[in-house]
Amino acid sequence: MVSGAFTLVFGILCLIGMLLFIPEASRASRRPQSNALGSIANLAVLGFFGFVAGPLIILGGWMMKRLRVYQLAFTACILSLVPCHSCWFLALPIGIWGLIVLNKPGLKSMFR
């Protein structure tokens, strides 16, 4: 759930940074060898991923803790493994651990 919160905050900061960077990008695009539009696209993709994946990771962690909605808990573990958010290096072992735990025999039947 912590990695989901960091992912959400990172996504919001990327979207804010993209909005603040647009005026600079319009001035820089007139210069040769400018890659300002690529930077805006990167911020938009990272921001969108963080804005969507963050709440899903938080909700999936909460459902895993309460033994509800197995599919959402599994999806949250998979999203934690995707290297598109700020605390991926922290979320990686948590996502792997979550997948190992969720794949134990008999655990799926404990979810409601």
N, C-alpha and C. Protein backbone atom coordinates (compact mmCIF):
# COMPACT_ATOMS: atom_id res chain seq x y z
N MET A 1 0.83 -1.19 0.00
CA MET A 1 0.00 0.00 0.00
C MET A 1 0.87 1.25 0.00
N VAL A 2 2.04 1.16 0.62
CA VAL A 2 2.95 2.31 0.66
C VAL A 2 3.48 2.60 -0.74
N SER A 3 3.84 1.55 -1.47
CA SER A 3 4.35 1.79 -2.83
C SER A 3 3.25 2.37 -3.71
N GLY A 4 2.01 1.99 -3.48
CA GLY A 4 0.89 2.57 -4.22
C GLY A 4 0.73 4.05 -3.93
N ALA A 5 0.91 4.42 -2.66
CA ALA A 5 0.82 5.85 -2.30
C ALA A 5 1.94 6.64 -2.95
N PHE A 6 3.16 6.10 -2.93
CA PHE A 6 4.28 6.78 -3.59
C PHE A 6 4.05 6.88 -5.10
N THR A 7 3.50 5.83 -5.69
CA THR A 7 3.23 5.83 -7.12
C THR A 7 2.20 6.90 -7.47
N LEU A 8 1.16 7.01 -6.65
CA LEU A 8 0.13 8.02 -6.88
C LEU A 8 0.70 9.43 -6.76
N VAL A 9 1.49 9.68 -5.72
CA VAL A 9 2.10 11.00 -5.54
C VAL A 9 3.04 11.32 -6.69
N PHE A 10 3.84 10.34 -7.11
CA PHE A 10 4.75 10.53 -8.24
C PHE A 10 3.98 10.84 -9.51
N GLY A 11 2.87 10.16 -9.72
CA GLY A 11 2.06 10.42 -10.91
C GLY A 11 1.49 11.82 -10.92
N ILE A 12 1.02 12.27 -9.77
CA ILE A 12 0.48 13.63 -9.68
C ILE A 12 1.58 14.65 -9.91
N LEU A 13 2.76 14.42 -9.34
CA LEU A 13 3.88 15.35 -9.55
C LEU A 13 4.32 15.38 -11.01
N CYS A 14 4.29 14.23 -11.68
CA CYS A 14 4.64 14.21 -13.11
C CYS A 14 3.63 15.00 -13.93
N LEU A 15 2.34 14.87 -13.60
CA LEU A 15 1.33 15.62 -14.34
C LEU A 15 1.47 17.12 -14.09
N ILE A 16 1.76 17.51 -12.86
CA ILE A 16 1.97 18.93 -12.55
C ILE A 16 3.22 19.43 -13.26
N GLY A 17 4.30 18.64 -13.25
CA GLY A 17 5.51 19.03 -13.95
C GLY A 17 5.29 19.17 -15.44
N MET A 18 4.47 18.30 -16.00
CA MET A 18 4.16 18.39 -17.43
C MET A 18 3.44 19.70 -17.72
N LEU A 19 2.48 20.05 -16.89
CA LEU A 19 1.74 21.30 -17.12
C LEU A 19 2.63 22.52 -16.96
N LEU A 20 3.58 22.47 -16.04
CA LEU A 20 4.49 23.59 -15.86
C LEU A 20 5.55 23.66 -16.96
N PHE A 21 5.83 22.54 -17.58
CA PHE A 21 6.89 22.47 -18.59
C PHE A 21 6.39 22.82 -19.99
N ILE A 22 5.08 22.83 -20.22
CA ILE A 22 4.53 23.09 -21.55
C ILE A 22 4.95 24.45 -22.11
N PRO A 23 4.87 25.57 -21.34
CA PRO A 23 5.31 26.85 -21.92
C PRO A 23 6.78 26.84 -22.32
N GLU A 24 7.63 26.23 -21.52
CA GLU A 24 9.05 26.14 -21.86
C GLU A 24 9.25 25.29 -23.11
N ALA A 25 8.47 24.25 -23.23
CA ALA A 25 8.60 23.37 -24.40
C ALA A 25 8.21 24.09 -25.68
N SER A 26 7.22 24.96 -25.61
CA SER A 26 6.82 25.67 -26.82
C SER A 26 7.91 26.64 -27.27
N ARG A 27 8.63 27.25 -26.33
CA ARG A 27 9.75 28.11 -26.70
C ARG A 27 10.93 27.29 -27.20
N ALA A 28 11.18 26.16 -26.58
CA ALA A 28 12.34 25.34 -26.94
C ALA A 28 12.14 24.60 -28.26
N SER A 29 10.89 24.37 -28.65
CA SER A 29 10.66 23.62 -29.89
C SER A 29 11.08 24.42 -31.12
N ARG A 30 11.26 25.70 -30.98
CA ARG A 30 11.72 26.52 -32.11
C ARG A 30 13.22 26.36 -32.34
N ARG A 31 13.94 25.88 -31.32
CA ARG A 31 15.38 25.69 -31.46
C ARG A 31 15.68 24.32 -32.04
N PRO A 32 16.75 24.24 -32.86
CA PRO A 32 17.12 22.92 -33.37
C PRO A 32 17.67 22.04 -32.24
N GLN A 33 17.56 20.76 -32.41
CA GLN A 33 18.05 19.77 -31.44
C GLN A 33 17.31 19.83 -30.11
N SER A 34 16.09 20.29 -30.14
CA SER A 34 15.30 20.36 -28.91
C SER A 34 14.47 19.09 -28.77
N ASN A 35 14.44 18.54 -27.58
CA ASN A 35 13.67 17.34 -27.31
C ASN A 35 12.63 17.62 -26.24
N ALA A 36 12.11 18.83 -26.24
CA ALA A 36 11.17 19.23 -25.20
C ALA A 36 9.84 18.47 -25.31
N LEU A 37 9.38 18.23 -26.52
CA LEU A 37 8.11 17.51 -26.67
C LEU A 37 8.24 16.07 -26.20
N GLY A 38 9.40 15.48 -26.39
CA GLY A 38 9.63 14.13 -25.87
C GLY A 38 9.59 14.09 -24.36
N SER A 39 10.12 15.13 -23.73
CA SER A 39 10.08 15.21 -22.27
C SER A 39 8.65 15.33 -21.76
N ILE A 40 7.85 16.12 -22.46
CA ILE A 40 6.45 16.26 -22.06
C ILE A 40 5.73 14.92 -22.21
N ALA A 41 6.01 14.22 -23.30
CA ALA A 41 5.38 12.92 -23.51
C ALA A 41 5.78 11.93 -22.41
N ASN A 42 7.04 11.92 -22.02
CA ASN A 42 7.49 11.04 -20.93
C ASN A 42 6.80 11.37 -19.63
N LEU A 43 6.70 12.66 -19.31
CA LEU A 43 6.02 13.06 -18.07
C LEU A 43 4.54 12.67 -18.11
N ALA A 44 3.92 12.80 -19.28
CA ALA A 44 2.51 12.45 -19.40
C ALA A 44 2.28 10.96 -19.19
N VAL A 45 3.14 10.13 -19.78
CA VAL A 45 2.99 8.68 -19.65
C VAL A 45 3.24 8.25 -18.20
N LEU A 46 4.32 8.75 -17.60
CA LEU A 46 4.60 8.40 -16.20
C LEU A 46 3.52 8.91 -15.26
N GLY A 47 3.05 10.11 -15.52
CA GLY A 47 1.99 10.68 -14.68
C GLY A 47 0.70 9.89 -14.79
N PHE A 48 0.33 9.51 -16.02
CA PHE A 48 -0.90 8.74 -16.20
C PHE A 48 -0.78 7.38 -15.54
N PHE A 49 0.38 6.72 -15.71
CA PHE A 49 0.56 5.41 -15.08
C PHE A 49 0.46 5.53 -13.56
N GLY A 50 1.13 6.52 -12.99
CA GLY A 50 1.09 6.69 -11.54
C GLY A 50 -0.29 7.04 -11.04
N PHE A 51 -1.01 7.83 -11.82
CA PHE A 51 -2.35 8.26 -11.42
C PHE A 51 -3.34 7.10 -11.46
N VAL A 52 -3.13 6.14 -12.37
CA VAL A 52 -4.02 5.00 -12.49
C VAL A 52 -3.55 3.83 -11.62
N ALA A 53 -2.25 3.52 -11.68
CA ALA A 53 -1.74 2.35 -10.97
C ALA A 53 -1.66 2.56 -9.46
N GLY A 54 -1.39 3.78 -9.02
CA GLY A 54 -1.26 4.04 -7.58
C GLY A 54 -2.49 3.63 -6.78
N PRO A 55 -3.67 4.13 -7.15
CA PRO A 55 -4.86 3.71 -6.40
C PRO A 55 -5.16 2.21 -6.52
N LEU A 56 -4.84 1.61 -7.68
CA LEU A 56 -5.07 0.18 -7.82
C LEU A 56 -4.15 -0.64 -6.91
N ILE A 57 -2.90 -0.20 -6.77
CA ILE A 57 -1.97 -0.90 -5.87
C ILE A 57 -2.42 -0.74 -4.42
N ILE A 58 -2.86 0.46 -4.06
CA ILE A 58 -3.35 0.69 -2.69
C ILE A 58 -4.56 -0.18 -2.41
N LEU A 59 -5.53 -0.17 -3.33
CA LEU A 59 -6.75 -0.95 -3.14
C LEU A 59 -6.46 -2.45 -3.13
N GLY A 60 -5.56 -2.90 -4.01
CA GLY A 60 -5.20 -4.31 -4.04
C GLY A 60 -4.51 -4.76 -2.76
N GLY A 61 -3.63 -3.91 -2.22
CA GLY A 61 -3.00 -4.23 -0.94
C GLY A 61 -4.00 -4.31 0.19
N TRP A 62 -4.95 -3.40 0.17
CA TRP A 62 -6.00 -3.39 1.21
C TRP A 62 -6.86 -4.65 1.10
N MET A 63 -7.21 -5.04 -0.12
CA MET A 63 -8.02 -6.24 -0.32
C MET A 63 -7.25 -7.51 0.06
N MET A 64 -5.94 -7.51 -0.21
CA MET A 64 -5.12 -8.67 0.17
C MET A 64 -5.06 -8.79 1.69
N LYS A 65 -4.94 -7.67 2.37
CA LYS A 65 -4.88 -7.68 3.83
C LYS A 65 -6.18 -8.19 4.43
N ARG A 66 -7.30 -7.84 3.81
CA ARG A 66 -8.62 -8.22 4.33
C ARG A 66 -9.12 -9.54 3.76
N LEU A 67 -8.30 -10.21 2.90
CA LEU A 67 -8.66 -11.46 2.24
C LEU A 67 -9.95 -11.33 1.42
N ARG A 68 -9.98 -10.30 0.60
CA ARG A 68 -11.11 -10.07 -0.31
C ARG A 68 -10.58 -9.91 -1.73
N VAL A 69 -11.35 -10.17 -2.71
CA VAL A 69 -11.09 -9.94 -4.14
C VAL A 69 -9.67 -10.37 -4.54
N TYR A 70 -9.50 -11.66 -4.71
CA TYR A 70 -8.20 -12.26 -5.04
C TYR A 70 -7.62 -11.65 -6.31
N GLN A 71 -8.44 -11.45 -7.32
CA GLN A 71 -7.96 -10.95 -8.61
C GLN A 71 -7.37 -9.55 -8.48
N LEU A 72 -7.97 -8.69 -7.67
CA LEU A 72 -7.45 -7.34 -7.47
C LEU A 72 -6.13 -7.37 -6.71
N ALA A 73 -6.01 -8.23 -5.73
CA ALA A 73 -4.74 -8.37 -5.00
C ALA A 73 -3.63 -8.87 -5.93
N PHE A 74 -3.97 -9.81 -6.79
CA PHE A 74 -3.00 -10.34 -7.75
C PHE A 74 -2.58 -9.26 -8.75
N THR A 75 -3.54 -8.48 -9.22
CA THR A 75 -3.26 -7.39 -10.16
C THR A 75 -2.37 -6.33 -9.51
N ALA A 76 -2.60 -6.02 -8.26
CA ALA A 76 -1.77 -5.04 -7.55
C ALA A 76 -0.33 -5.54 -7.45
N CYS A 77 -0.15 -6.82 -7.21
CA CYS A 77 1.22 -7.37 -7.16
C CYS A 77 1.90 -7.26 -8.51
N ILE A 78 1.18 -7.54 -9.57
CA ILE A 78 1.75 -7.43 -10.92
C ILE A 78 2.09 -5.96 -11.23
N LEU A 79 1.22 -5.03 -10.89
CA LEU A 79 1.49 -3.61 -11.13
C LEU A 79 2.70 -3.12 -10.34
N SER A 80 2.93 -3.70 -9.19
CA SER A 80 4.10 -3.32 -8.40
C SER A 80 5.40 -3.73 -9.08
N LEU A 81 5.34 -4.70 -9.96
CA LEU A 81 6.53 -5.18 -10.65
C LEU A 81 6.89 -4.35 -11.88
N VAL A 82 5.97 -3.53 -12.36
CA VAL A 82 6.20 -2.75 -13.56
C VAL A 82 7.13 -1.58 -13.22
N PRO A 83 8.26 -1.45 -13.93
CA PRO A 83 9.24 -0.40 -13.57
C PRO A 83 8.89 0.97 -14.15
N CYS A 84 7.69 1.44 -13.87
CA CYS A 84 7.25 2.75 -14.40
C CYS A 84 6.83 3.71 -13.30
N HIS A 85 7.30 3.48 -12.10
CA HIS A 85 6.96 4.42 -11.03
C HIS A 85 8.16 4.67 -10.15
N SER A 86 8.04 5.65 -9.31
CA SER A 86 9.19 6.18 -8.57
C SER A 86 9.80 5.21 -7.58
N CYS A 87 9.01 4.40 -6.94
CA CYS A 87 9.57 3.52 -5.91
C CYS A 87 9.55 2.06 -6.36
N TRP A 88 9.82 1.87 -7.64
CA TRP A 88 9.82 0.52 -8.19
C TRP A 88 10.82 -0.38 -7.47
N PHE A 89 11.98 0.16 -7.13
CA PHE A 89 13.00 -0.66 -6.46
C PHE A 89 12.54 -1.11 -5.08
N LEU A 90 11.65 -0.38 -4.44
CA LEU A 90 11.07 -0.82 -3.17
C LEU A 90 9.89 -1.76 -3.39
N ALA A 91 9.13 -1.51 -4.45
CA ALA A 91 7.93 -2.30 -4.70
C ALA A 91 8.25 -3.68 -5.30
N LEU A 92 9.40 -3.81 -5.94
CA LEU A 92 9.75 -5.08 -6.58
C LEU A 92 9.76 -6.26 -5.60
N PRO A 93 10.50 -6.19 -4.48
CA PRO A 93 10.46 -7.34 -3.57
C PRO A 93 9.09 -7.56 -2.94
N ILE A 94 8.35 -6.48 -2.72
CA ILE A 94 7.00 -6.60 -2.14
C ILE A 94 6.07 -7.29 -3.14
N GLY A 95 6.17 -6.91 -4.42
CA GLY A 95 5.35 -7.54 -5.45
C GLY A 95 5.69 -9.01 -5.63
N ILE A 96 6.98 -9.34 -5.60
CA ILE A 96 7.39 -10.74 -5.71
C ILE A 96 6.88 -11.54 -4.51
N TRP A 97 7.05 -10.97 -3.32
CA TRP A 97 6.56 -11.65 -2.11
C TRP A 97 5.04 -11.86 -2.19
N GLY A 98 4.33 -10.83 -2.64
CA GLY A 98 2.87 -10.94 -2.75
C GLY A 98 2.45 -12.04 -3.72
N LEU A 99 3.15 -12.15 -4.85
CA LEU A 99 2.82 -13.20 -5.81
C LEU A 99 3.12 -14.58 -5.25
N ILE A 100 4.22 -14.71 -4.52
CA ILE A 100 4.56 -16.00 -3.90
C ILE A 100 3.49 -16.39 -2.89
N VAL A 101 3.08 -15.43 -2.07
CA VAL A 101 2.05 -15.71 -1.05
C VAL A 101 0.72 -16.04 -1.71
N LEU A 102 0.33 -15.27 -2.72
CA LEU A 102 -0.96 -15.50 -3.36
C LEU A 102 -1.02 -16.81 -4.13
N ASN A 103 0.12 -17.36 -4.51
CA ASN A 103 0.14 -18.62 -5.25
C ASN A 103 0.29 -19.85 -4.36
N LYS A 104 0.26 -19.67 -3.05
CA LYS A 104 0.32 -20.82 -2.15
C LYS A 104 -0.96 -21.64 -2.27
N PRO A 105 -0.82 -22.96 -2.21
CA PRO A 105 -2.02 -23.81 -2.31
C PRO A 105 -2.98 -23.56 -1.14
N GLY A 106 -4.24 -23.46 -1.46
CA GLY A 106 -5.26 -23.28 -0.43
C GLY A 106 -5.54 -21.84 -0.05
N LEU A 107 -4.69 -20.92 -0.41
CA LEU A 107 -4.90 -19.53 -0.02
C LEU A 107 -6.02 -18.89 -0.81
N LYS A 108 -6.16 -19.28 -2.06
CA LYS A 108 -7.20 -18.68 -2.91
C LYS A 108 -8.59 -18.96 -2.33
N SER A 109 -8.77 -20.12 -1.70
CA SER A 109 -10.07 -20.46 -1.14
C SER A 109 -10.39 -19.64 0.11
N MET A 110 -9.38 -19.01 0.71
CA MET A 110 -9.61 -18.18 1.90
C MET A 110 -10.18 -16.80 1.54
N PHE A 111 -9.99 -16.39 0.29
CA PHE A 111 -10.52 -15.10 -0.16
C PHE A 111 -12.04 -15.24 -0.35
N ARG A 112 -12.74 -14.15 -0.02
CA ARG A 112 -14.21 -14.15 -0.22
C ARG A 112 -14.56 -13.52 -1.51
